[in-house]
């Protein structure tokens, strides 16, 4: 059943996120789903919000943390633009979400997956594994964004931020021919949601237990393992927070092998 479109302040806030803050349609849609779980966002009291928060206690920490962030942003916007005088979330404290280590796709996984794919799915997987792109970034990439002479891609990431990503010969060969249009489809671009769904089905069809993001994890892990400075990896992957990049160093730390070898002698 399709959810009714947002109205009132919620609709105005979502429009603000899309136009003024240039958030991706997927992010805006996620925030909209979170606001739909509230009793009545415009008139909710502190007691209403605290009861809502208690009802969400069975959800995963990451989910609850993201929901808290979305709701607090909504009420902060309401107060900034004088739609409300109070913040009913002020007593909802942040959760401490432990940062897990990435689980990158293995070389064998990538080879098996690519052997089972062709066309748009193969190009999308290559952009994740060899370019480190997110699904939304791969979905929107077009040939005018590619500099084949200097082997660079102009990738538009979160918040509309543009970065340069290296284009190795293996990746370029996997993306050709140049259609002058969208790289994945060769014509009109798919939305990130459509590409994600199709890639998921393709991965399942290949008999692998992977996610697209694990391809991106492989890119980050391999880059840091090769000795590339974390700041460079951070720029290539479009991370806003250095701690997001540092997890790849923890995964690929060669010193761990030295220690393991030393203690078994």
C-alpha atoms as a PDB file:
ATOM      1  CA  UNK A   1       0.000   0.000   0.000  1.00  0.00           C
ATOM      2  CA  UNK A   2       1.426   3.375  -1.065  1.00  0.00           C
ATOM      3  CA  UNK A   3       1.903   5.885   1.747  1.00  0.00           C
ATOM      4  CA  UNK A   4       0.053   9.212   1.349  1.00  0.00           C
ATOM      5  CA  UNK A   5       2.251  12.153   0.310  1.00  0.00           C
ATOM      6  CA  UNK A   6       3.484  14.371   3.146  1.00  0.00           C
ATOM      7  CA  UNK A   7       1.654  17.605   3.854  1.00  0.00           C
ATOM      8  CA  UNK A   8       2.097  20.779   5.882  1.00  0.00           C
ATOM      9  CA  UNK A   9       5.356  21.365   7.705  1.00  0.00           C
ATOM     10  CA  UNK A  10       6.689  17.902   6.905  1.00  0.00           C
ATOM     11  CA  UNK A  11       6.291  18.514   3.165  1.00  0.00           C
ATOM     12  CA  UNK A  12       7.920  21.945   3.506  1.00  0.00           C
ATOM     13  CA  UNK A  13      10.860  20.478   5.427  1.00  0.00           C
ATOM     14  CA  UNK A  14      11.392  17.683   2.906  1.00  0.00           C
ATOM     15  CA  UNK A  15      11.342  20.254   0.121  1.00  0.00           C
ATOM     16  CA  UNK A  16      13.942  22.251   2.055  1.00  0.00           C
ATOM     17  CA  UNK A  17      16.165  19.163   2.275  1.00  0.00           C
ATOM     18  CA  UNK A  18      15.865  18.510  -1.449  1.00  0.00           C
ATOM     19  CA  UNK A  19      16.247  22.064  -2.735  1.00  0.00           C
ATOM     20  CA  UNK A  20      18.213  24.082  -0.180  1.00  0.00           C
ATOM     21  CA  UNK A  21      20.420  21.287   1.157  1.00  0.00           C
ATOM     22  CA  UNK A  22      20.562  19.271  -2.088  1.00  0.00           C
ATOM     23  CA  UNK A  23      20.147  15.922  -0.338  1.00  0.00           C
ATOM     24  CA  UNK A  24      19.629  12.896  -2.544  1.00  0.00           C
ATOM     25  CA  UNK A  25      16.068  11.684  -3.261  1.00  0.00           C
ATOM     26  CA  UNK A  26      16.891   8.470  -1.373  1.00  0.00           C
ATOM     27  CA  UNK A  27      17.899  10.395   1.765  1.00  0.00           C
ATOM     28  CA  UNK A  28      14.810  12.589   1.577  1.00  0.00           C
ATOM     29  CA  UNK A  29      12.622   9.501   1.170  1.00  0.00           C
ATOM     30  CA  UNK A  30      14.267   7.906   4.218  1.00  0.00           C
ATOM     31  CA  UNK A  31      13.576  10.997   6.306  1.00  0.00           C
ATOM     32  CA  UNK A  32       9.978  11.006   5.080  1.00  0.00           C
ATOM     33  CA  UNK A  33       9.511   7.392   6.205  1.00  0.00           C
ATOM     34  CA  UNK A  34      10.872   8.263   9.644  1.00  0.00           C
ATOM     35  CA  UNK A  35       8.504  11.207  10.060  1.00  0.00           C
ATOM     36  CA  UNK A  36       5.570   8.941   9.155  1.00  0.00           C
ATOM     37  CA  UNK A  37       6.280   6.884  12.284  1.00  0.00           C
ATOM     38  CA  UNK A  38       5.511   9.899  14.519  1.00  0.00           C
ATOM     39  CA  UNK A  39       1.973  10.408  15.901  1.00  0.00           C
ATOM     40  CA  UNK A  40       1.634  13.953  14.511  1.00  0.00           C
ATOM     41  CA  UNK A  41       4.939  15.706  13.808  1.00  0.00           C
ATOM     42  CA  UNK A  42       3.490  19.226  13.747  1.00  0.00           C
ATOM     43  CA  UNK A  43       1.734  19.088  17.115  1.00  0.00           C
ATOM     44  CA  UNK A  44       3.617  16.309  18.947  1.00  0.00           C
ATOM     45  CA  UNK A  45       4.524  17.112  22.541  1.00  0.00           C
ATOM     46  CA  UNK A  46       7.609  16.138  24.474  1.00  0.00           C
ATOM     47  CA  UNK A  47       5.638  13.267  26.040  1.00  0.00           C
ATOM     48  CA  UNK A  48       4.530  12.102  22.583  1.00  0.00           C
ATOM     49  CA  UNK A  49       8.112  12.055  21.309  1.00  0.00           C
ATOM     50  CA  UNK A  50       9.438  10.251  24.368  1.00  0.00           C
ATOM     51  CA  UNK A  51       6.681   7.631  24.063  1.00  0.00           C
ATOM     52  CA  UNK A  52       7.544   7.245  20.353  1.00  0.00           C
ATOM     53  CA  UNK A  53      11.223   6.821  21.219  1.00  0.00           C
ATOM     54  CA  UNK A  54      10.393   4.154  23.784  1.00  0.00           C
ATOM     55  CA  UNK A  55       8.311   2.272  21.206  1.00  0.00           C
ATOM     56  CA  UNK A  56      11.304   2.218  18.844  1.00  0.00           C
ATOM     57  CA  UNK A  57      13.541   0.534  21.431  1.00  0.00           C
ATOM     58  CA  UNK A  58      13.346  -2.865  19.751  1.00  0.00           C
ATOM     59  CA  UNK A  59      14.965  -1.575  16.564  1.00  0.00           C
ATOM     60  CA  UNK A  60      18.681  -1.800  15.820  1.00  0.00           C
ATOM     61  CA  UNK A  61      20.952   0.857  17.308  1.00  0.00           C
ATOM     62  CA  UNK A  62      21.918   2.217  13.901  1.00  0.00           C
ATOM     63  CA  UNK A  63      18.291   2.489  12.829  1.00  0.00           C
ATOM     64  CA  UNK A  64      17.301   4.301  16.018  1.00  0.00           C
ATOM     65  CA  UNK A  65      20.272   6.643  15.797  1.00  0.00           C
ATOM     66  CA  UNK A  66      19.351   7.576  12.227  1.00  0.00           C
ATOM     67  CA  UNK A  67      15.710   8.067  13.207  1.00  0.00           C
ATOM     68  CA  UNK A  68      16.672  10.312  16.110  1.00  0.00           C
ATOM     69  CA  UNK A  69      18.846  12.395  13.793  1.00  0.00           C
ATOM     70  CA  UNK A  70      16.039  12.837  11.260  1.00  0.00           C
ATOM     71  CA  UNK A  71      13.457  13.839  13.859  1.00  0.00           C
ATOM     72  CA  UNK A  72      15.788  16.266  15.625  1.00  0.00           C
ATOM     73  CA  UNK A  73      16.642  17.894  12.282  1.00  0.00           C
ATOM     74  CA  UNK A  74      12.949  18.380  11.584  1.00  0.00           C
ATOM     75  CA  UNK A  75      12.294  20.130  14.886  1.00  0.00           C
ATOM     76  CA  UNK A  76      15.473  22.197  14.592  1.00  0.00           C
ATOM     77  CA  UNK A  77      14.179  23.420  11.231  1.00  0.00           C
ATOM     78  CA  UNK A  78      10.766  24.141  12.734  1.00  0.00           C
ATOM     79  CA  UNK A  79      12.344  26.289  15.443  1.00  0.00           C
ATOM     80  CA  UNK A  80      14.677  28.084  13.029  1.00  0.00           C
ATOM     81  CA  UNK A  81      11.747  29.161  10.856  1.00  0.00           C
ATOM     82  CA  UNK A  82       9.447  29.968  13.806  1.00  0.00           C
ATOM     83  CA  UNK A  83       7.027  27.117  13.227  1.00  0.00           C
ATOM     84  CA  UNK A  84       7.534  25.938  16.812  1.00  0.00           C
ATOM     85  CA  UNK A  85       8.959  27.458  19.945  1.00  0.00           C
ATOM     86  CA  UNK A  86      10.051  24.213  21.575  1.00  0.00           C
ATOM     87  CA  UNK A  87      12.049  21.108  20.707  1.00  0.00           C
ATOM     88  CA  UNK A  88      10.127  18.042  21.930  1.00  0.00           C
ATOM     89  CA  UNK A  89      13.198  15.852  21.341  1.00  0.00           C
ATOM     90  CA  UNK A  90      15.491  17.736  23.712  1.00  0.00           C
ATOM     91  CA  UNK A  91      15.487  14.959  26.337  1.00  0.00           C
ATOM     92  CA  UNK A  92      16.066  12.150  23.839  1.00  0.00           C
ATOM     93  CA  UNK A  93      19.772  11.516  24.296  1.00  0.00           C
ATOM     94  CA  UNK A  94      22.042  10.262  21.490  1.00  0.00           C
ATOM     95  CA  UNK A  95      22.868   6.581  21.287  1.00  0.00           C
ATOM     96  CA  UNK A  96      26.390   5.291  21.277  1.00  0.00           C
ATOM     97  CA  UNK A  97      26.596   3.197  18.125  1.00  0.00           C
ATOM     98  CA  UNK A  98      29.787   1.148  17.887  1.00  0.00           C
ATOM     99  CA  UNK A  99      31.516   1.483  14.544  1.00  0.00           C
ATOM    100  CA  UNK A 100      31.959  -1.940  13.013  1.00  0.00           C
ATOM    101  CA  UNK A 101      34.734  -3.028  10.707  1.00  0.00           C
ATOM    102  CA  UNK A 102      33.984  -3.230   6.987  1.00  0.00           C
ATOM    103  CA  UNK A 103      33.478  -6.609   5.356  1.00  0.00           C
ATOM    104  CA  UNK A 104      34.940  -6.137   1.897  1.00  0.00           C
ATOM    105  CA  UNK A 105      34.126  -8.404  -1.002  1.00  0.00           C
ATOM    106  CA  UNK A 106      36.955 -10.825  -1.720  1.00  0.00           C
ATOM    107  CA  UNK A 107      38.844 -10.985  -5.000  1.00  0.00           C
ATOM    108  CA  UNK A 108      37.221 -14.334  -5.744  1.00  0.00           C
ATOM    109  CA  UNK A 109      33.761 -12.909  -5.057  1.00  0.00           C
ATOM    110  CA  UNK A 110      34.330 -10.047  -7.479  1.00  0.00           C
ATOM    111  CA  UNK A 111      35.667 -12.377 -10.183  1.00  0.00           C
ATOM    112  CA  UNK A 112      32.748 -14.778  -9.806  1.00  0.00           C
ATOM    113  CA  UNK A 113      30.256 -11.950  -9.863  1.00  0.00           C
ATOM    114  CA  UNK A 114      31.717 -10.306 -12.957  1.00  0.00           C
ATOM    115  CA  UNK A 115      31.863 -13.659 -14.755  1.00  0.00           C
ATOM    116  CA  UNK A 116      28.110 -14.024 -14.221  1.00  0.00           C
ATOM    117  CA  UNK A 117      27.167 -10.505 -15.375  1.00  0.00           C
ATOM    118  CA  UNK A 118      27.161  -8.421 -18.512  1.00  0.00           C
ATOM    119  CA  UNK A 119      25.753  -5.114 -19.701  1.00  0.00           C
ATOM    120  CA  UNK A 120      24.495  -2.580 -17.134  1.00  0.00           C
ATOM    121  CA  UNK A 121      24.927  -4.875 -14.127  1.00  0.00           C
ATOM    122  CA  UNK A 122      28.548  -5.588 -14.965  1.00  0.00           C
ATOM    123  CA  UNK A 123      29.307  -1.895 -15.429  1.00  0.00           C
ATOM    124  CA  UNK A 124      27.639  -1.021 -12.120  1.00  0.00           C
ATOM    125  CA  UNK A 125      29.600  -3.669 -10.226  1.00  0.00           C
ATOM    126  CA  UNK A 126      32.870  -2.463 -11.766  1.00  0.00           C
ATOM    127  CA  UNK A 127      32.142   1.100 -10.645  1.00  0.00           C
ATOM    128  CA  UNK A 128      31.685  -0.155  -7.092  1.00  0.00           C
ATOM    129  CA  UNK A 129      34.656  -2.518  -6.984  1.00  0.00           C
ATOM    130  CA  UNK A 130      37.207  -0.574  -9.030  1.00  0.00           C
ATOM    131  CA  UNK A 131      35.973   2.995  -8.558  1.00  0.00           C
ATOM    132  CA  UNK A 132      34.676   2.840  -4.985  1.00  0.00           C
ATOM    133  CA  UNK A 133      31.404   4.485  -5.970  1.00  0.00           C
ATOM    134  CA  UNK A 134      28.180   4.352  -3.980  1.00  0.00           C
ATOM    135  CA  UNK A 135      25.053   3.028  -5.702  1.00  0.00           C
ATOM    136  CA  UNK A 136      23.600   6.517  -6.179  1.00  0.00           C
ATOM    137  CA  UNK A 137      26.904   7.755  -7.605  1.00  0.00           C
ATOM    138  CA  UNK A 138      27.127   4.875 -10.066  1.00  0.00           C
ATOM    139  CA  UNK A 139      23.496   5.378 -11.113  1.00  0.00           C
ATOM    140  CA  UNK A 140      24.002   9.060 -11.992  1.00  0.00           C
ATOM    141  CA  UNK A 141      27.426   8.860 -13.664  1.00  0.00           C
ATOM    142  CA  UNK A 142      27.432   9.778 -17.358  1.00  0.00           C
ATOM    143  CA  UNK A 143      30.095   9.852 -20.041  1.00  0.00           C
ATOM    144  CA  UNK A 144      30.493  13.662 -19.969  1.00  0.00           C
ATOM    145  CA  UNK A 145      31.763  13.104 -16.401  1.00  0.00           C
ATOM    146  CA  UNK A 146      34.623  10.934 -17.655  1.00  0.00           C
ATOM    147  CA  UNK A 147      38.001  12.271 -18.801  1.00  0.00           C
ATOM    148  CA  UNK A 148      39.487   9.369 -20.766  1.00  0.00           C
ATOM    149  CA  UNK A 149      42.664  11.317 -21.582  1.00  0.00           C
ATOM    150  CA  UNK A 150      43.617  11.945 -17.954  1.00  0.00           C
ATOM    151  CA  UNK A 151      41.824   8.863 -16.560  1.00  0.00           C
ATOM    152  CA  UNK A 152      39.554  10.719 -14.163  1.00  0.00           C
ATOM    153  CA  UNK A 153      35.862  10.607 -13.261  1.00  0.00           C
ATOM    154  CA  UNK A 154      33.910  13.533 -11.832  1.00  0.00           C
ATOM    155  CA  UNK A 155      31.643  11.885  -9.280  1.00  0.00           C
ATOM    156  CA  UNK A 156      28.765  13.694  -7.607  1.00  0.00           C
ATOM    157  CA  UNK A 157      28.432  12.359  -4.072  1.00  0.00           C
ATOM    158  CA  UNK A 158      26.393  13.084  -0.975  1.00  0.00           C
ATOM    159  CA  UNK A 159      25.161  16.626  -0.632  1.00  0.00           C
ATOM    160  CA  UNK A 160      25.997  17.338  -4.267  1.00  0.00           C
ATOM    161  CA  UNK A 161      29.724  17.388  -3.532  1.00  0.00           C
ATOM    162  CA  UNK A 162      31.869  16.647  -6.586  1.00  0.00           C
ATOM    163  CA  UNK A 163      35.153  14.761  -6.369  1.00  0.00           C
ATOM    164  CA  UNK A 164      37.679  13.305  -8.793  1.00  0.00           C
ATOM    165  CA  UNK A 165      38.183   9.542  -8.845  1.00  0.00           C
ATOM    166  CA  UNK A 166      40.928   7.701 -10.684  1.00  0.00           C
ATOM    167  CA  UNK A 167      39.924   5.665 -13.720  1.00  0.00           C
ATOM    168  CA  UNK A 168      42.186   2.605 -14.103  1.00  0.00           C
ATOM    169  CA  UNK A 169      42.461   1.004 -17.522  1.00  0.00           C
ATOM    170  CA  UNK A 170      40.640  -2.112 -16.304  1.00  0.00           C
ATOM    171  CA  UNK A 171      37.651  -0.022 -15.231  1.00  0.00           C
ATOM    172  CA  UNK A 172      37.602   2.050 -18.418  1.00  0.00           C
ATOM    173  CA  UNK A 173      37.653  -1.093 -20.564  1.00  0.00           C
ATOM    174  CA  UNK A 174      34.736  -2.438 -18.537  1.00  0.00           C
ATOM    175  CA  UNK A 175      32.672   0.719 -19.115  1.00  0.00           C
ATOM    176  CA  UNK A 176      33.207   1.218 -22.853  1.00  0.00           C
ATOM    177  CA  UNK A 177      31.798   1.975 -25.386  1.00  0.00           C
ATOM    178  CA  UNK A 178      31.228   5.677 -24.826  1.00  0.00           C
ATOM    179  CA  UNK A 179      27.540   6.242 -25.567  1.00  0.00           C
ATOM    180  CA  UNK A 180      27.579   9.887 -24.542  1.00  0.00           C
ATOM    181  CA  UNK A 181      24.784   9.076 -22.086  1.00  0.00           C
ATOM    182  CA  UNK A 182      24.499   7.311 -18.733  1.00  0.00           C
ATOM    183  CA  UNK A 183      27.397   4.937 -18.154  1.00  0.00           C
ATOM    184  CA  UNK A 184      25.517   2.086 -16.481  1.00  0.00           C
ATOM    185  CA  UNK A 185      22.512   1.922 -18.805  1.00  0.00           C
ATOM    186  CA  UNK A 186      24.012   3.360 -21.975  1.00  0.00           C
ATOM    187  CA  UNK A 187      20.923   5.556 -22.250  1.00  0.00           C
ATOM    188  CA  UNK A 188      18.522   7.072 -19.734  1.00  0.00           C
ATOM    189  CA  UNK A 189      19.700   6.820 -16.133  1.00  0.00           C
ATOM    190  CA  UNK A 190      17.980   4.624 -13.567  1.00  0.00           C
ATOM    191  CA  UNK A 191      17.290   5.917 -10.100  1.00  0.00           C
ATOM    192  CA  UNK A 192      19.572   4.723  -7.314  1.00  0.00           C
ATOM    193  CA  UNK A 193      16.711   2.657  -5.876  1.00  0.00           C
ATOM    194  CA  UNK A 194      16.122   0.866  -9.190  1.00  0.00           C
ATOM    195  CA  UNK A 195      19.827   0.177  -9.677  1.00  0.00           C
ATOM    196  CA  UNK A 196      20.128  -1.113  -6.104  1.00  0.00           C
ATOM    197  CA  UNK A 197      17.222  -3.518  -6.613  1.00  0.00           C
ATOM    198  CA  UNK A 198      18.584  -4.819  -9.908  1.00  0.00           C
ATOM    199  CA  UNK A 199      22.099  -5.263  -8.579  1.00  0.00           C
ATOM    200  CA  UNK A 200      20.752  -7.115  -5.547  1.00  0.00           C
ATOM    201  CA  UNK A 201      18.859  -9.509  -7.810  1.00  0.00           C
ATOM    202  CA  UNK A 202      21.927  -9.975 -10.008  1.00  0.00           C
ATOM    203  CA  UNK A 203      24.115 -10.781  -6.995  1.00  0.00           C
ATOM    204  CA  UNK A 204      21.565 -13.273  -5.693  1.00  0.00           C
ATOM    205  CA  UNK A 205      21.308 -14.806  -9.145  1.00  0.00           C
ATOM    206  CA  UNK A 206      25.062 -15.352  -9.121  1.00  0.00           C
ATOM    207  CA  UNK A 207      24.701 -17.298  -5.867  1.00  0.00           C
ATOM    208  CA  UNK A 208      26.747 -14.837  -3.792  1.00  0.00           C
ATOM    209  CA  UNK A 209      26.062 -13.355  -0.374  1.00  0.00           C
ATOM    210  CA  UNK A 210      27.229  -9.802  -1.056  1.00  0.00           C
ATOM    211  CA  UNK A 211      26.036  -6.223  -1.034  1.00  0.00           C
ATOM    212  CA  UNK A 212      26.997  -3.429  -3.399  1.00  0.00           C
ATOM    213  CA  UNK A 213      28.534  -1.572  -0.479  1.00  0.00           C
ATOM    214  CA  UNK A 214      30.934  -4.454   0.125  1.00  0.00           C
ATOM    215  CA  UNK A 215      32.373  -3.742  -3.321  1.00  0.00           C
ATOM    216  CA  UNK A 216      33.055  -0.188  -2.167  1.00  0.00           C
ATOM    217  CA  UNK A 217      34.555  -1.600   1.040  1.00  0.00           C
ATOM    218  CA  UNK A 218      36.949  -3.633  -1.090  1.00  0.00           C
ATOM    219  CA  UNK A 219      38.062  -0.468  -2.871  1.00  0.00           C
ATOM    220  CA  UNK A 220      38.830   1.280   0.432  1.00  0.00           C
ATOM    221  CA  UNK A 221      40.535  -1.732   1.980  1.00  0.00           C
ATOM    222  CA  UNK A 222      42.738  -2.391  -1.051  1.00  0.00           C
ATOM    223  CA  UNK A 223      43.698   1.274  -1.299  1.00  0.00           C
ATOM    224  CA  UNK A 224      44.850   1.526   2.315  1.00  0.00           C
ATOM    225  CA  UNK A 225      46.583  -1.873   2.158  1.00  0.00           C
ATOM    226  CA  UNK A 226      48.637  -0.573  -0.779  1.00  0.00           C
ATOM    227  CA  UNK A 227      49.983   2.259   1.360  1.00  0.00           C
ATOM    228  CA  UNK A 228      47.840   5.082  -0.034  1.00  0.00           C
ATOM    229  CA  UNK A 229      47.585   7.880   2.585  1.00  0.00           C
ATOM    230  CA  UNK A 230      44.267   7.919   4.419  1.00  0.00           C
ATOM    231  CA  UNK A 231      43.595  11.515   3.356  1.00  0.00           C
ATOM    232  CA  UNK A 232      43.855  10.487  -0.296  1.00  0.00           C
ATOM    233  CA  UNK A 233      41.552   7.508   0.246  1.00  0.00           C
ATOM    234  CA  UNK A 234      39.128   9.787   2.078  1.00  0.00           C
ATOM    235  CA  UNK A 235      38.990  12.165  -0.894  1.00  0.00           C
ATOM    236  CA  UNK A 236      38.625   9.370  -3.427  1.00  0.00           C
ATOM    237  CA  UNK A 237      35.735   7.804  -1.522  1.00  0.00           C
ATOM    238  CA  UNK A 238      33.979  11.071  -0.729  1.00  0.00           C
ATOM    239  CA  UNK A 239      34.043  10.686   3.044  1.00  0.00           C
ATOM    240  CA  UNK A 240      33.213  13.777   5.082  1.00  0.00           C
ATOM    241  CA  UNK A 241      34.568  12.284   8.317  1.00  0.00           C
ATOM    242  CA  UNK A 242      38.141  10.899   8.525  1.00  0.00           C
ATOM    243  CA  UNK A 243      36.930   8.269  10.989  1.00  0.00           C
ATOM    244  CA  UNK A 244      34.896   6.706   8.174  1.00  0.00           C
ATOM    245  CA  UNK A 245      38.111   6.128   6.240  1.00  0.00           C
ATOM    246  CA  UNK A 246      40.152   5.019   9.240  1.00  0.00           C
ATOM    247  CA  UNK A 247      38.172   1.775   9.534  1.00  0.00           C
ATOM    248  CA  UNK A 248      39.832   0.559   6.338  1.00  0.00           C
ATOM    249  CA  UNK A 249      43.248   0.987   7.923  1.00  0.00           C
ATOM    250  CA  UNK A 250      42.099  -1.200  10.814  1.00  0.00           C
ATOM    251  CA  UNK A 251      41.024  -3.905   8.363  1.00  0.00           C
ATOM    252  CA  UNK A 252      44.168  -3.868   6.234  1.00  0.00           C
ATOM    253  CA  UNK A 253      46.799  -3.148   8.873  1.00  0.00           C
ATOM    254  CA  UNK A 254      49.859  -5.108   7.768  1.00  0.00           C
ATOM    255  CA  UNK A 255      51.273  -4.872  11.302  1.00  0.00           C
ATOM    256  CA  UNK A 256      48.718  -7.454  12.369  1.00  0.00           C
ATOM    257  CA  UNK A 257      50.427 -10.012  10.151  1.00  0.00           C
ATOM    258  CA  UNK A 258      53.816  -9.109  11.626  1.00  0.00           C
ATOM    259  CA  UNK A 259      52.472  -9.609  15.151  1.00  0.00           C
ATOM    260  CA  UNK A 260      50.795 -12.890  14.255  1.00  0.00           C
ATOM    261  CA  UNK A 261      54.008 -14.163  12.700  1.00  0.00           C
ATOM    262  CA  UNK A 262      56.098 -13.039  15.684  1.00  0.00           C
ATOM    263  CA  UNK A 263      53.980 -14.719  18.363  1.00  0.00           C
ATOM    264  CA  UNK A 264      53.974 -18.094  16.579  1.00  0.00           C
ATOM    265  CA  UNK A 265      57.729 -18.410  16.208  1.00  0.00           C
END
